[in-house]
Amino acid sequence: MQMIEIIVGTNRRNSNSSVLAEWLLKIYQDIGADAQIIDLVKLPLETFSPDAYSEKPEAVLGFTQRIVKSSGLVLITPEYNGSMPGALKLFIDHLPFPESFENLPFATSGLLLGNLGPSDPSSI
């Protein structure tokens, strides 16, 4: 089965990234594409344990298997202090490498608000 995984690249609740991900999911559904959202707000707390690097928690493996089995990835992430959110970097670190990204179509969209982006998120 072909499945596009839309990754919300922050673990901030009610983020603009999650709003954009839901909007994109609807577009994929409207054109008949199979897509679903991986929202980092749903990462289990054990993801953030130092032990998770050597022994992946079962709940984390479910997220990583979705990436490995996907037919394409779309990453929607905010810019935090000139970089990506720490939760996104940690999530990427937990993914098997290189099979998580090898020969896989990948798109990314960044969000930037405040002084460097639009002051009104509804104008996006």
Protein backbone atom coordinates (compact mmCIF):
# COMPACT_ATOMS: atom_id res chain seq x y z
CA MET A 1 0.00 0.00 0.00
CA GLN A 2 1.25 3.47 -0.90
CA MET A 3 1.15 5.78 2.11
CA ILE A 4 2.38 9.34 2.45
CA GLU A 5 3.37 10.23 6.00
CA ILE A 6 2.92 13.89 6.95
CA ILE A 7 5.18 14.67 9.91
CA VAL A 8 4.31 17.51 12.28
CA GLY A 9 7.85 18.52 13.25
CA THR A 10 7.14 19.89 16.72
CA ASN A 11 5.74 18.52 19.94
CA ARG A 12 4.03 21.81 20.75
CA ARG A 13 0.28 21.30 21.28
CA ASN A 14 -2.09 23.09 18.87
CA SER A 15 0.81 24.25 16.71
CA ASN A 16 0.51 26.04 13.39
CA SER A 17 2.43 23.08 11.93
CA SER A 18 -0.39 20.73 12.96
CA VAL A 19 -2.97 23.07 11.40
CA LEU A 20 -1.02 23.06 8.13
CA ALA A 21 -0.63 19.26 8.31
CA GLU A 22 -4.41 18.81 8.68
CA TRP A 23 -4.98 21.12 5.72
CA LEU A 24 -2.50 19.17 3.60
CA LEU A 25 -4.04 15.84 4.66
CA LYS A 26 -7.42 17.06 3.42
CA ILE A 27 -5.90 17.97 0.05
CA TYR A 28 -4.34 14.51 -0.27
CA GLN A 29 -7.66 12.90 0.64
CA ASP A 30 -9.53 15.07 -1.87
CA ILE A 31 -7.29 13.81 -4.70
CA GLY A 32 -7.58 10.19 -3.53
CA ALA A 33 -4.06 9.81 -2.13
CA ASP A 34 -3.47 7.73 0.98
CA ALA A 35 -1.89 9.90 3.64
CA GLN A 36 -1.77 10.13 7.40
CA ILE A 37 -0.21 12.38 10.02
CA ILE A 38 2.58 11.57 12.44
CA ASP A 39 2.25 14.23 15.13
CA LEU A 40 5.30 14.50 17.40
CA VAL A 41 3.03 15.70 20.21
CA LYS A 42 2.06 12.01 20.47
CA LEU A 43 5.62 10.80 21.08
CA PRO A 44 5.68 8.88 24.35
CA LEU A 45 7.68 10.36 27.23
CA GLU A 46 10.12 7.44 27.13
CA THR A 47 11.29 8.79 23.76
CA PHE A 48 13.15 11.48 25.68
CA SER A 49 15.01 9.07 27.97
CA PRO A 50 18.77 8.71 27.34
CA ASP A 51 18.18 4.92 27.36
CA ALA A 52 15.98 5.21 24.26
CA TYR A 53 19.09 5.51 22.07
CA SER A 54 20.28 2.01 22.91
CA GLU A 55 16.90 0.33 23.44
CA LYS A 56 14.04 1.87 21.51
CA PRO A 57 10.74 1.97 23.42
CA GLU A 58 7.99 -0.10 21.81
CA ALA A 59 5.85 2.99 21.17
CA VAL A 60 8.73 4.68 19.33
CA LEU A 61 9.14 1.63 17.09
CA GLY A 62 5.57 2.08 15.88
CA PHE A 63 6.40 5.60 14.68
CA THR A 64 9.64 4.51 13.01
CA GLN A 65 8.01 1.58 11.21
CA ARG A 66 5.48 3.95 9.67
CA ILE A 67 8.36 5.98 8.23
CA VAL A 68 10.22 2.94 6.90
CA LYS A 69 7.07 1.54 5.26
CA SER A 70 5.94 4.85 3.75
CA SER A 71 6.03 5.70 0.06
CA GLY A 72 6.83 9.36 0.70
CA LEU A 73 7.35 11.88 3.48
CA VAL A 74 6.20 15.46 3.97
CA LEU A 75 7.75 17.34 6.88
CA ILE A 76 6.03 20.44 8.21
CA THR A 77 8.12 22.14 10.86
CA PRO A 78 8.49 25.49 12.53
CA GLU A 79 11.77 27.31 12.79
CA TYR A 80 12.89 27.62 16.40
CA ASN A 81 15.78 30.00 17.06
CA GLY A 82 17.28 29.50 13.60
CA SER A 83 17.00 25.71 13.71
CA MET A 84 14.56 22.81 13.96
CA PRO A 85 12.70 21.87 17.14
CA GLY A 86 14.64 19.56 19.45
CA ALA A 87 11.81 16.99 19.39
CA LEU A 88 12.18 16.70 15.61
CA LYS A 89 15.94 16.17 15.83
CA LEU A 90 15.41 13.50 18.49
CA PHE A 91 12.75 11.80 16.33
CA ILE A 92 15.13 11.74 13.36
CA ASP A 93 17.89 10.32 15.59
CA HIS A 94 15.59 7.42 16.51
CA LEU A 95 14.88 6.51 12.88
CA PRO A 96 16.83 3.66 11.30
CA PHE A 97 19.47 5.03 8.95
CA PRO A 98 19.76 4.97 5.95
CA GLU A 99 16.60 2.95 5.19
CA SER A 100 14.29 5.65 6.57
CA PHE A 101 15.25 8.06 3.79
CA GLU A 102 16.81 5.94 1.04
CA ASN A 103 15.06 6.32 -2.33
CA LEU A 104 12.09 7.98 -0.67
CA PRO A 105 10.41 11.12 -2.03
CA PHE A 106 10.66 13.82 0.63
CA ALA A 107 9.18 17.32 0.83
CA THR A 108 9.58 19.86 3.56
CA SER A 109 7.76 23.01 4.54
CA GLY A 110 8.98 25.41 7.17
CA LEU A 111 6.86 27.85 9.16
CA LEU A 112 8.16 31.14 10.38
CA LEU A 113 6.13 33.72 12.27
CA GLY A 114 6.98 36.88 14.17
CA ASN A 115 9.56 39.44 13.02
CA LEU A 116 10.83 37.27 10.15
CA GLY A 117 7.51 35.83 8.99
CA PRO A 118 3.91 36.97 8.59
CA SER A 119 2.51 38.55 11.75
CA ASP A 120 -0.92 37.00 11.11
CA PRO A 121 -0.88 33.16 10.86
CA SER A 122 -4.30 33.22 9.16
CA SER A 123 -2.67 34.93 6.17
CA ILE A 124 -0.63 31.80 5.42
